[in-house]
């Protein structure tokens, strides 16, 4: 398994295809809602792509919102879950944050993924809310505390 920072359009397209498979096809998010102004290489976001056996299998992105790092669009293709790929994505995004001098992180965790993020030292700080009709909670982590 290897994770890379996306630097070219070809790798970005691979990441967007993984998101389409997971969020649009598997979870029913409307395709027009899945993609946004941050799905580019203009520097507003850092995108991560994880390969397993030379296949792109997971992705996520990092951006700064009000001086807090936000981890977004973290997903792994269904047949590659349970191999530590999600953890590799989060760790890679945390490394990006540290390089940028950001130590406070937040993310919107789908309800079924709360336990996964808790194992990575994130904790819930909100009541449940819906995004695209999927229950989520806001979770935070301070990298200085770990």
Protein backbone atom coordinates (compact mmCIF):
# COMPACT_ATOMS: atom_id res chain seq x y z
CA UNK A 1 0.00 0.00 0.00
CA UNK A 2 1.24 3.49 -0.81
CA UNK A 3 -0.33 6.90 -0.47
CA UNK A 4 0.50 9.83 -2.70
CA UNK A 5 -0.42 13.48 -2.84
CA UNK A 6 -2.31 14.11 -6.00
CA UNK A 7 -0.35 16.43 -8.29
CA UNK A 8 -1.83 15.76 -11.74
CA UNK A 9 -5.23 15.57 -13.40
CA UNK A 10 -4.91 11.83 -14.09
CA UNK A 11 -4.59 10.99 -10.38
CA UNK A 12 -7.34 13.48 -9.50
CA UNK A 13 -9.64 11.70 -11.95
CA UNK A 14 -8.86 8.38 -10.21
CA UNK A 15 -9.79 9.90 -6.84
CA UNK A 16 -13.03 11.34 -8.20
CA UNK A 17 -13.91 7.94 -9.68
CA UNK A 18 -13.42 6.31 -6.25
CA UNK A 19 -15.71 8.92 -4.70
CA UNK A 20 -18.29 8.28 -7.41
CA UNK A 21 -18.19 4.55 -6.68
CA UNK A 22 -18.52 4.98 -2.89
CA UNK A 23 -20.62 8.08 -2.36
CA UNK A 24 -22.76 8.20 -5.50
CA UNK A 25 -23.29 4.55 -6.45
CA UNK A 26 -23.01 2.86 -3.04
CA UNK A 27 -24.49 5.53 -0.75
CA UNK A 28 -26.88 7.29 -3.13
CA UNK A 29 -25.45 10.82 -2.96
CA UNK A 30 -26.61 12.75 -6.06
CA UNK A 31 -23.63 13.08 -8.38
CA UNK A 32 -24.13 16.83 -8.76
CA UNK A 33 -23.79 17.19 -4.95
CA UNK A 34 -20.66 15.07 -4.62
CA UNK A 35 -18.29 17.32 -6.53
CA UNK A 36 -17.53 20.92 -5.66
CA UNK A 37 -15.20 23.86 -6.23
CA UNK A 38 -12.42 22.16 -4.25
CA UNK A 39 -12.10 19.22 -6.64
CA UNK A 40 -9.16 20.69 -8.52
CA UNK A 41 -5.43 21.17 -8.20
CA UNK A 42 -5.37 24.94 -7.60
CA UNK A 43 -3.93 24.64 -4.10
CA UNK A 44 -7.04 25.21 -1.99
CA UNK A 45 -7.05 21.49 -1.07
CA UNK A 46 -4.57 18.69 -0.81
CA UNK A 47 -5.88 15.42 -2.22
CA UNK A 48 -4.55 11.98 -1.23
CA UNK A 49 -4.77 8.78 -3.27
CA UNK A 50 -3.96 5.36 -1.82
CA UNK A 51 -2.90 2.44 -3.98
CA UNK A 52 -3.06 -1.23 -3.10
CA UNK A 53 -1.45 -3.71 -5.49
CA UNK A 54 -1.03 -0.86 -7.99
CA UNK A 55 -4.79 -0.13 -7.94
CA UNK A 56 -6.22 3.19 -6.70
CA UNK A 57 -8.50 2.16 -3.83
CA UNK A 58 -8.97 5.11 -1.46
CA UNK A 59 -8.92 8.87 -1.31
CA UNK A 60 -9.46 11.89 0.89
CA UNK A 61 -8.77 15.59 0.92
CA UNK A 62 -7.61 18.28 3.33
CA UNK A 63 -8.35 21.97 3.40
CA UNK A 64 -8.12 24.77 5.92
CA UNK A 65 -11.38 26.37 7.10
CA UNK A 66 -11.06 29.25 9.59
CA UNK A 67 -7.58 28.10 10.68
CA UNK A 68 -8.83 24.57 11.36
CA UNK A 69 -7.89 21.62 9.17
CA UNK A 70 -10.88 19.83 7.69
CA UNK A 71 -10.61 16.23 6.51
CA UNK A 72 -13.13 15.55 3.78
CA UNK A 73 -14.33 12.97 1.27
CA UNK A 74 -12.49 10.10 2.92
CA UNK A 75 -13.51 6.84 1.28
CA UNK A 76 -12.25 3.37 0.38
CA UNK A 77 -13.62 1.04 -2.28
CA UNK A 78 -15.80 -1.60 -0.62
CA UNK A 79 -13.65 -4.61 -1.53
CA UNK A 80 -10.58 -2.96 0.06
CA UNK A 81 -12.07 -2.03 3.42
CA UNK A 82 -10.65 -3.63 6.58
CA UNK A 83 -7.06 -3.50 5.29
CA UNK A 84 -6.05 -0.29 7.06
CA UNK A 85 -6.46 1.90 3.99
CA UNK A 86 -8.79 4.35 5.74
CA UNK A 87 -6.26 4.75 8.53
CA UNK A 88 -3.52 5.38 5.95
CA UNK A 89 -5.64 8.11 4.34
CA UNK A 90 -6.28 9.84 7.67
CA UNK A 91 -2.62 9.64 8.68
CA UNK A 92 -1.53 11.08 5.32
CA UNK A 93 -4.01 13.95 5.70
CA UNK A 94 -2.78 14.59 9.25
CA UNK A 95 0.78 14.81 7.89
CA UNK A 96 -0.39 17.44 5.40
CA UNK A 97 -1.95 19.40 8.28
CA UNK A 98 1.24 19.29 10.33
CA UNK A 99 3.32 20.45 7.37
CA UNK A 100 1.01 23.45 7.09
CA UNK A 101 1.30 24.16 10.82
CA UNK A 102 -2.30 23.12 11.52
CA UNK A 103 -2.85 21.04 14.66
CA UNK A 104 -6.62 21.29 15.19
CA UNK A 105 -8.60 19.05 12.85
CA UNK A 106 -12.28 18.42 12.25
CA UNK A 107 -14.34 16.13 10.08
CA UNK A 108 -17.94 15.15 9.48
CA UNK A 109 -18.08 11.43 10.25
CA UNK A 110 -20.84 9.23 8.96
CA UNK A 111 -22.55 7.55 11.90
CA UNK A 112 -21.29 4.07 10.96
CA UNK A 113 -17.69 5.39 10.88
CA UNK A 114 -17.64 7.02 14.33
CA UNK A 115 -15.88 4.03 15.93
CA UNK A 116 -13.24 4.06 13.21
CA UNK A 117 -12.42 7.72 13.89
CA UNK A 118 -12.53 7.24 17.67
CA UNK A 119 -9.74 4.65 17.30
CA UNK A 120 -7.72 7.40 15.61
CA UNK A 121 -8.31 9.74 18.61
CA UNK A 122 -11.09 11.86 17.14
CA UNK A 123 -14.04 12.63 19.39
CA UNK A 124 -17.61 13.71 18.73
CA UNK A 125 -18.54 17.28 19.58
CA UNK A 126 -22.03 17.56 18.08
CA UNK A 127 -25.41 16.00 17.96
CA UNK A 128 -26.24 13.92 14.92
CA UNK A 129 -27.04 15.85 11.74
CA UNK A 130 -27.83 14.91 8.15
CA UNK A 131 -25.67 15.47 5.10
CA UNK A 132 -27.14 14.09 1.89
CA UNK A 133 -29.67 12.19 4.08
CA UNK A 134 -26.81 10.34 5.81
CA UNK A 135 -26.44 10.73 9.60
CA UNK A 136 -23.15 12.42 10.60
CA UNK A 137 -21.47 13.93 13.65
CA UNK A 138 -18.78 16.56 13.89
CA UNK A 139 -15.55 15.11 15.28
CA UNK A 140 -12.36 16.88 16.26
CA UNK A 141 -8.78 16.03 17.10
CA UNK A 142 -5.94 18.20 18.36
CA UNK A 143 -2.67 16.83 17.05
CA UNK A 144 -0.84 18.56 19.93
CA UNK A 145 -2.66 16.29 22.40
CA UNK A 146 -1.66 13.02 20.79
